[in-house]
Amino acid sequence: MSISAPANRPTQGYIFDLDGTLLNTLEGLANCYNRVLVQLGHPTHPAAAYQYFIGDGARQCITRCLPADARSEEHIEQALRLQQADYSASWQLDTRPYPGIVDMLENLARLGLPLTVLSNKDHEFTLACVEHFFPTIAFEQVVGFSASIPHKPDPTGAQTIARALNLPAASIDFLGDTAMDMQTAVTCGMTAIGALWGFRDADELIRAGAQRLISHPNNLLD
């Protein structure tokens, strides 16, 4: 589905979001955060609610999970420590690549195009997930949130990847499933492509500047 025609130039590289784009992490993350809420004596949430809690990093997610009257700085920090400890042991559980993702990546790799990942997940977990779930894919760059890379939609991560690939931003396609991904791509001058199988809907992606929407990973090859 085309929203507005991207510039008429060949794609020279790709940036992929991780959660909700390459990996279906919804159930695993929901279970992790809900276990933390149970430990703290708070109500849990259905997995579907996490489609909107997830996306801006672990701290924002835990803040959204907590009851409004339990969002003191001290309590958020306590909950975040518990979440990080739980996720360190459970990140690989209830998580899998979306159907068609591995085929898409392998087909793009055969074309000789550099493939990269940019996630709002903490960098160590981003690396672990990519290495575990995509062992046959040689990603050129894998970048997660760290002290030097802020959360999207800050453009630093995407710009860092473009420099590492020695490619102009306009030659890179950015595939993601949230407004943060689309905003990052637009800010950097990359082609913003929305993944409709992820956590958010078409309206959000369009409002955030998506130039194309695709309903299946192999549509990217079209």
C-alpha atoms as a PDB file:
ATOM      1  CA  MET A   1       0.000   0.000   0.000  1.00  0.00           C
ATOM      2  CA  SER A   2       1.541   3.299  -1.056  1.00  0.00           C
ATOM      3  CA  ILE A   3       0.920   6.445   1.000  1.00  0.00           C
ATOM      4  CA  SER A   4       3.126   8.833  -0.895  1.00  0.00           C
ATOM      5  CA  ALA A   5       5.700   7.891  -3.490  1.00  0.00           C
ATOM      6  CA  PRO A   6       9.217   7.537  -2.049  1.00  0.00           C
ATOM      7  CA  ALA A   7      12.046   9.109  -3.971  1.00  0.00           C
ATOM      8  CA  ASN A   8      12.842   7.248  -7.188  1.00  0.00           C
ATOM      9  CA  ARG A   9      16.174   5.758  -6.168  1.00  0.00           C
ATOM     10  CA  PRO A  10      17.450   2.254  -5.440  1.00  0.00           C
ATOM     11  CA  THR A  11      17.462   1.066  -1.862  1.00  0.00           C
ATOM     12  CA  GLN A  12      21.024   0.489  -0.668  1.00  0.00           C
ATOM     13  CA  GLY A  13      20.379  -0.649   2.899  1.00  0.00           C
ATOM     14  CA  TYR A  14      17.755  -1.451   5.515  1.00  0.00           C
ATOM     15  CA  ILE A  15      17.097  -0.593   9.137  1.00  0.00           C
ATOM     16  CA  PHE A  16      14.631  -2.830  10.973  1.00  0.00           C
ATOM     17  CA  ASP A  17      12.900  -2.248  14.264  1.00  0.00           C
ATOM     18  CA  LEU A  18      12.936  -5.373  16.461  1.00  0.00           C
ATOM     19  CA  ASP A  19       9.876  -5.735  18.730  1.00  0.00           C
ATOM     20  CA  GLY A  20       6.699  -5.805  16.659  1.00  0.00           C
ATOM     21  CA  THR A  21       8.620  -5.806  13.363  1.00  0.00           C
ATOM     22  CA  LEU A  22      11.071  -8.702  13.264  1.00  0.00           C
ATOM     23  CA  LEU A  23      10.047 -10.418  16.505  1.00  0.00           C
ATOM     24  CA  ASN A  24       6.633 -11.037  18.029  1.00  0.00           C
ATOM     25  CA  THR A  25       7.615 -10.268  21.616  1.00  0.00           C
ATOM     26  CA  LEU A  26       4.172  -9.220  22.836  1.00  0.00           C
ATOM     27  CA  GLU A  27       3.354 -12.298  24.902  1.00  0.00           C
ATOM     28  CA  GLY A  28       6.836 -12.589  26.359  1.00  0.00           C
ATOM     29  CA  LEU A  29       7.013  -8.937  27.375  1.00  0.00           C
ATOM     30  CA  ALA A  30       3.462  -8.939  28.749  1.00  0.00           C
ATOM     31  CA  ASN A  31       4.264 -11.970  30.889  1.00  0.00           C
ATOM     32  CA  CYS A  32       7.472 -10.365  32.132  1.00  0.00           C
ATOM     33  CA  TYR A  33       5.857  -7.089  33.145  1.00  0.00           C
ATOM     34  CA  ASN A  34       2.855  -8.862  34.664  1.00  0.00           C
ATOM     35  CA  ARG A  35       5.135 -10.981  36.841  1.00  0.00           C
ATOM     36  CA  VAL A  36       6.695  -7.753  38.138  1.00  0.00           C
ATOM     37  CA  LEU A  37       3.264  -6.293  38.881  1.00  0.00           C
ATOM     38  CA  VAL A  38       2.303  -9.430  40.819  1.00  0.00           C
ATOM     39  CA  GLN A  39       5.507  -9.190  42.875  1.00  0.00           C
ATOM     40  CA  LEU A  40       4.608  -5.618  43.765  1.00  0.00           C
ATOM     41  CA  GLY A  41       0.978  -6.414  44.554  1.00  0.00           C
ATOM     42  CA  HIS A  42      -0.518  -4.526  41.581  1.00  0.00           C
ATOM     43  CA  PRO A  43      -3.163  -5.643  39.077  1.00  0.00           C
ATOM     44  CA  THR A  44      -1.936  -7.164  35.821  1.00  0.00           C
ATOM     45  CA  HIS A  45      -2.958  -6.278  32.259  1.00  0.00           C
ATOM     46  CA  PRO A  46      -4.110  -8.359  29.268  1.00  0.00           C
ATOM     47  CA  ALA A  47      -1.438  -8.945  26.637  1.00  0.00           C
ATOM     48  CA  ALA A  48      -3.281  -6.708  24.145  1.00  0.00           C
ATOM     49  CA  ALA A  49      -2.766  -3.699  26.431  1.00  0.00           C
ATOM     50  CA  TYR A  50       0.979  -4.045  26.018  1.00  0.00           C
ATOM     51  CA  GLN A  51       0.684  -3.193  22.331  1.00  0.00           C
ATOM     52  CA  TYR A  52       0.454   0.415  23.537  1.00  0.00           C
ATOM     53  CA  PHE A  53       2.617   0.162  26.664  1.00  0.00           C
ATOM     54  CA  ILE A  54       5.612  -1.148  24.674  1.00  0.00           C
ATOM     55  CA  GLY A  55       7.663   0.947  22.285  1.00  0.00           C
ATOM     56  CA  ASP A  56       9.419   3.688  24.245  1.00  0.00           C
ATOM     57  CA  GLY A  57      11.773   1.569  26.310  1.00  0.00           C
ATOM     58  CA  ALA A  58      11.467  -0.426  29.527  1.00  0.00           C
ATOM     59  CA  ARG A  59      11.144   2.552  31.870  1.00  0.00           C
ATOM     60  CA  GLN A  60       8.196   4.051  29.989  1.00  0.00           C
ATOM     61  CA  CYS A  61       6.537   0.643  29.751  1.00  0.00           C
ATOM     62  CA  ILE A  62       6.804  -0.058  33.473  1.00  0.00           C
ATOM     63  CA  THR A  63       5.503   3.431  34.238  1.00  0.00           C
ATOM     64  CA  ARG A  64       2.445   2.836  32.061  1.00  0.00           C
ATOM     65  CA  CYS A  65       1.872  -0.570  33.688  1.00  0.00           C
ATOM     66  CA  LEU A  66       1.814   0.768  37.212  1.00  0.00           C
ATOM     67  CA  PRO A  67      -1.385   2.182  38.743  1.00  0.00           C
ATOM     68  CA  ALA A  68      -1.516   5.971  38.545  1.00  0.00           C
ATOM     69  CA  ASP A  69      -1.098   6.304  42.311  1.00  0.00           C
ATOM     70  CA  ALA A  70       2.007   4.080  42.337  1.00  0.00           C
ATOM     71  CA  ARG A  71       4.187   6.036  39.940  1.00  0.00           C
ATOM     72  CA  SER A  72       6.586   7.644  42.360  1.00  0.00           C
ATOM     73  CA  GLU A  73      10.183   7.802  41.186  1.00  0.00           C
ATOM     74  CA  GLU A  74      11.249   5.343  43.873  1.00  0.00           C
ATOM     75  CA  HIS A  75       8.553   2.806  42.965  1.00  0.00           C
ATOM     76  CA  ILE A  76       9.268   3.082  39.245  1.00  0.00           C
ATOM     77  CA  GLU A  77      12.966   2.411  39.913  1.00  0.00           C
ATOM     78  CA  GLN A  78      12.109  -0.603  42.074  1.00  0.00           C
ATOM     79  CA  ALA A  79       9.781  -1.995  39.408  1.00  0.00           C
ATOM     80  CA  LEU A  80      12.373  -1.388  36.693  1.00  0.00           C
ATOM     81  CA  ARG A  81      15.045  -3.302  38.622  1.00  0.00           C
ATOM     82  CA  LEU A  82      12.658  -6.236  38.990  1.00  0.00           C
ATOM     83  CA  GLN A  83      11.779  -6.102  35.304  1.00  0.00           C
ATOM     84  CA  GLN A  84      15.408  -6.086  34.218  1.00  0.00           C
ATOM     85  CA  ALA A  85      16.171  -9.067  36.463  1.00  0.00           C
ATOM     86  CA  ASP A  86      13.154 -11.004  35.191  1.00  0.00           C
ATOM     87  CA  TYR A  87      13.831 -10.213  31.534  1.00  0.00           C
ATOM     88  CA  SER A  88      17.479 -11.248  31.897  1.00  0.00           C
ATOM     89  CA  ALA A  89      16.201 -14.784  32.518  1.00  0.00           C
ATOM     90  CA  SER A  90      13.099 -14.774  30.291  1.00  0.00           C
ATOM     91  CA  TRP A  91      13.835 -12.704  27.139  1.00  0.00           C
ATOM     92  CA  GLN A  92      13.800 -15.797  24.904  1.00  0.00           C
ATOM     93  CA  LEU A  93      10.469 -17.142  26.227  1.00  0.00           C
ATOM     94  CA  ASP A  94       7.153 -16.719  24.363  1.00  0.00           C
ATOM     95  CA  THR A  95       8.990 -14.877  21.566  1.00  0.00           C
ATOM     96  CA  ARG A  96       9.420 -15.799  17.905  1.00  0.00           C
ATOM     97  CA  PRO A  97      10.026 -14.195  14.513  1.00  0.00           C
ATOM     98  CA  TYR A  98       6.881 -13.215  12.660  1.00  0.00           C
ATOM     99  CA  PRO A  99       5.947 -15.541   9.775  1.00  0.00           C
ATOM    100  CA  GLY A 100       7.920 -14.674   6.661  1.00  0.00           C
ATOM    101  CA  ILE A 101      10.568 -12.592   8.444  1.00  0.00           C
ATOM    102  CA  VAL A 102      13.452 -15.045   8.113  1.00  0.00           C
ATOM    103  CA  ASP A 103      12.661 -15.611   4.418  1.00  0.00           C
ATOM    104  CA  MET A 104      12.567 -11.856   3.837  1.00  0.00           C
ATOM    105  CA  LEU A 105      15.915 -11.318   5.549  1.00  0.00           C
ATOM    106  CA  GLU A 106      17.566 -14.207   3.714  1.00  0.00           C
ATOM    107  CA  ASN A 107      16.273 -12.937   0.356  1.00  0.00           C
ATOM    108  CA  LEU A 108      17.545  -9.419   1.044  1.00  0.00           C
ATOM    109  CA  ALA A 109      20.904 -10.784   2.171  1.00  0.00           C
ATOM    110  CA  ARG A 110      21.220 -12.711  -1.095  1.00  0.00           C
ATOM    111  CA  LEU A 111      20.852  -9.394  -2.910  1.00  0.00           C
ATOM    112  CA  GLY A 112      23.923  -8.170  -1.053  1.00  0.00           C
ATOM    113  CA  LEU A 113      22.075  -5.378   0.766  1.00  0.00           C
ATOM    114  CA  PRO A 114      23.297  -4.439   4.268  1.00  0.00           C
ATOM    115  CA  LEU A 115      20.770  -5.281   6.993  1.00  0.00           C
ATOM    116  CA  THR A 116      20.696  -3.574  10.392  1.00  0.00           C
ATOM    117  CA  VAL A 117      18.564  -3.443  13.541  1.00  0.00           C
ATOM    118  CA  LEU A 118      17.656  -0.390  15.629  1.00  0.00           C
ATOM    119  CA  SER A 119      15.601  -1.064  18.760  1.00  0.00           C
ATOM    120  CA  ASN A 120      14.355   0.829  21.801  1.00  0.00           C
ATOM    121  CA  LYS A 121      15.089  -2.339  23.774  1.00  0.00           C
ATOM    122  CA  ASP A 122      18.215  -2.124  25.915  1.00  0.00           C
ATOM    123  CA  HIS A 123      21.301  -2.806  23.820  1.00  0.00           C
ATOM    124  CA  GLU A 124      22.325  -6.008  25.619  1.00  0.00           C
ATOM    125  CA  PHE A 125      18.876  -7.534  25.138  1.00  0.00           C
ATOM    126  CA  THR A 126      18.756  -6.363  21.510  1.00  0.00           C
ATOM    127  CA  LEU A 127      22.023  -8.181  20.803  1.00  0.00           C
ATOM    128  CA  ALA A 128      20.883 -11.317  22.624  1.00  0.00           C
ATOM    129  CA  CYS A 129      17.585 -11.475  20.741  1.00  0.00           C
ATOM    130  CA  VAL A 130      19.152 -10.954  17.325  1.00  0.00           C
ATOM    131  CA  GLU A 131      21.869 -13.541  17.923  1.00  0.00           C
ATOM    132  CA  HIS A 132      19.387 -16.101  19.290  1.00  0.00           C
ATOM    133  CA  PHE A 133      16.504 -15.740  16.844  1.00  0.00           C
ATOM    134  CA  PHE A 134      18.437 -14.877  13.658  1.00  0.00           C
ATOM    135  CA  PRO A 135      21.645 -16.926  13.838  1.00  0.00           C
ATOM    136  CA  THR A 136      21.900 -17.265  10.045  1.00  0.00           C
ATOM    137  CA  ILE A 137      21.526 -13.550   9.260  1.00  0.00           C
ATOM    138  CA  ALA A 138      24.694 -11.451   9.104  1.00  0.00           C
ATOM    139  CA  PHE A 139      23.456  -8.057  10.283  1.00  0.00           C
ATOM    140  CA  GLU A 140      25.914  -5.254   9.611  1.00  0.00           C
ATOM    141  CA  GLN A 141      24.844  -3.271  12.680  1.00  0.00           C
ATOM    142  CA  VAL A 142      22.673  -4.119  15.720  1.00  0.00           C
ATOM    143  CA  VAL A 143      21.915  -1.122  17.918  1.00  0.00           C
ATOM    144  CA  GLY A 144      19.752  -0.831  21.024  1.00  0.00           C
ATOM    145  CA  PHE A 145      19.170   1.775  23.697  1.00  0.00           C
ATOM    146  CA  SER A 146      22.292   2.759  25.646  1.00  0.00           C
ATOM    147  CA  ALA A 147      23.939   5.737  27.282  1.00  0.00           C
ATOM    148  CA  SER A 148      25.100   6.927  23.848  1.00  0.00           C
ATOM    149  CA  ILE A 149      22.010   5.947  21.810  1.00  0.00           C
ATOM    150  CA  PRO A 150      18.734   7.519  23.032  1.00  0.00           C
ATOM    151  CA  HIS A 151      15.346   5.970  22.415  1.00  0.00           C
ATOM    152  CA  LYS A 152      13.668   6.554  19.065  1.00  0.00           C
ATOM    153  CA  PRO A 153      12.310   8.898  17.746  1.00  0.00           C
ATOM    154  CA  ASP A 154      15.635  10.558  18.557  1.00  0.00           C
ATOM    155  CA  PRO A 155      17.520  10.157  15.251  1.00  0.00           C
ATOM    156  CA  THR A 156      20.932   9.398  16.780  1.00  0.00           C
ATOM    157  CA  GLY A 157      20.722   5.623  16.379  1.00  0.00           C
ATOM    158  CA  ALA A 158      19.587   5.724  12.761  1.00  0.00           C
ATOM    159  CA  GLN A 159      22.176   8.359  11.879  1.00  0.00           C
ATOM    160  CA  THR A 160      24.892   6.297  13.568  1.00  0.00           C
ATOM    161  CA  ILE A 161      23.924   3.281  11.466  1.00  0.00           C
ATOM    162  CA  ALA A 162      23.909   5.305   8.235  1.00  0.00           C
ATOM    163  CA  ARG A 163      27.423   6.577   8.980  1.00  0.00           C
ATOM    164  CA  ALA A 164      28.651   3.073   9.795  1.00  0.00           C
ATOM    165  CA  LEU A 165      27.282   1.816   6.474  1.00  0.00           C
ATOM    166  CA  ASN A 166      28.725   4.857   4.673  1.00  0.00           C
ATOM    167  CA  LEU A 167      25.352   5.366   2.990  1.00  0.00           C
ATOM    168  CA  PRO A 168      23.288   8.516   2.480  1.00  0.00           C
ATOM    169  CA  ALA A 169      20.146   8.456   4.613  1.00  0.00           C
ATOM    170  CA  ALA A 170      17.964   8.815   1.521  1.00  0.00           C
ATOM    171  CA  SER A 171      19.159   5.422   0.265  1.00  0.00           C
ATOM    172  CA  ILE A 172      18.018   3.555   3.406  1.00  0.00           C
ATOM    173  CA  ASP A 173      14.588   2.000   3.974  1.00  0.00           C
ATOM    174  CA  PHE A 174      13.408   1.920   7.593  1.00  0.00           C
ATOM    175  CA  LEU A 175      10.827  -0.758   8.462  1.00  0.00           C
ATOM    176  CA  GLY A 176       8.981  -0.447  11.759  1.00  0.00           C
ATOM    177  CA  ASP A 177       5.585  -0.846  13.385  1.00  0.00           C
ATOM    178  CA  THR A 178       5.154   2.291  15.527  1.00  0.00           C
ATOM    179  CA  ALA A 179       4.972   6.050  15.221  1.00  0.00           C
ATOM    180  CA  MET A 180       8.442   6.299  16.784  1.00  0.00           C
ATOM    181  CA  ASP A 181       9.906   4.299  13.909  1.00  0.00           C
ATOM    182  CA  MET A 182       8.166   6.378  11.243  1.00  0.00           C
ATOM    183  CA  GLN A 183       9.144   9.648  12.933  1.00  0.00           C
ATOM    184  CA  THR A 184      12.761   8.505  13.169  1.00  0.00           C
ATOM    185  CA  ALA A 185      12.860   7.637   9.479  1.00  0.00           C
ATOM    186  CA  VAL A 186      11.237  10.917   8.430  1.00  0.00           C
ATOM    187  CA  THR A 187      13.577  12.994  10.611  1.00  0.00           C
ATOM    188  CA  CYS A 188      16.598  11.264   9.068  1.00  0.00           C
ATOM    189  CA  GLY A 189      15.341  11.525   5.469  1.00  0.00           C
ATOM    190  CA  MET A 190      14.974   7.749   5.137  1.00  0.00           C
ATOM    191  CA  THR A 191      12.022   5.964   3.526  1.00  0.00           C
ATOM    192  CA  ALA A 192       9.505   5.145   6.266  1.00  0.00           C
ATOM    193  CA  ILE A 193       7.791   1.779   5.775  1.00  0.00           C
ATOM    194  CA  GLY A 194       5.111   0.627   8.205  1.00  0.00           C
ATOM    195  CA  ALA A 195       4.688  -3.036   9.170  1.00  0.00           C
ATOM    196  CA  LEU A 196       0.981  -3.805   9.583  1.00  0.00           C
ATOM    197  CA  TRP A 197       1.586  -7.108  11.399  1.00  0.00           C
ATOM    198  CA  GLY A 198       3.080  -5.338  14.429  1.00  0.00           C
ATOM    199  CA  PHE A 199       1.829  -3.635  17.559  1.00  0.00           C
ATOM    200  CA  ARG A 200       0.133  -0.539  16.077  1.00  0.00           C
ATOM    201  CA  ASP A 201      -2.424   0.205  13.365  1.00  0.00           C
ATOM    202  CA  ALA A 202      -2.289   1.836   9.945  1.00  0.00           C
ATOM    203  CA  ASP A 203      -3.722   5.163  11.131  1.00  0.00           C
ATOM    204  CA  GLU A 204      -0.895   5.677  13.613  1.00  0.00           C
ATOM    205  CA  LEU A 205       1.726   4.831  11.016  1.00  0.00           C
ATOM    206  CA  ILE A 206       0.225   7.132   8.390  1.00  0.00           C
ATOM    207  CA  ARG A 207      -0.072  10.048  10.821  1.00  0.00           C
ATOM    208  CA  ALA A 208       3.587   9.573  11.751  1.00  0.00           C
ATOM    209  CA  GLY A 209       4.738   9.820   8.126  1.00  0.00           C
ATOM    210  CA  ALA A 210       4.755   6.297   6.686  1.00  0.00           C
ATOM    211  CA  GLN A 211       5.416   6.382   2.954  1.00  0.00           C
ATOM    212  CA  ARG A 212       4.447   2.749   2.448  1.00  0.00           C
ATOM    213  CA  LEU A 213       2.500   0.197   4.457  1.00  0.00           C
ATOM    214  CA  ILE A 214       3.086  -3.509   3.958  1.00  0.00           C
ATOM    215  CA  SER A 215       0.949  -6.375   5.266  1.00  0.00           C
ATOM    216  CA  HIS A 216       3.497  -9.196   4.899  1.00  0.00           C
ATOM    217  CA  PRO A 217       7.301  -9.206   5.142  1.00  0.00           C
ATOM    218  CA  ASN A 218       7.761 -10.408   1.584  1.00  0.00           C
ATOM    219  CA  ASN A 219       5.943  -7.280   0.367  1.00  0.00           C
ATOM    220  CA  LEU A 220       9.179  -5.448   1.135  1.00  0.00           C
ATOM    221  CA  LEU A 221      10.792  -7.272  -1.783  1.00  0.00           C
ATOM    222  CA  ASP A 222       8.133  -5.919  -4.154  1.00  0.00           C
END
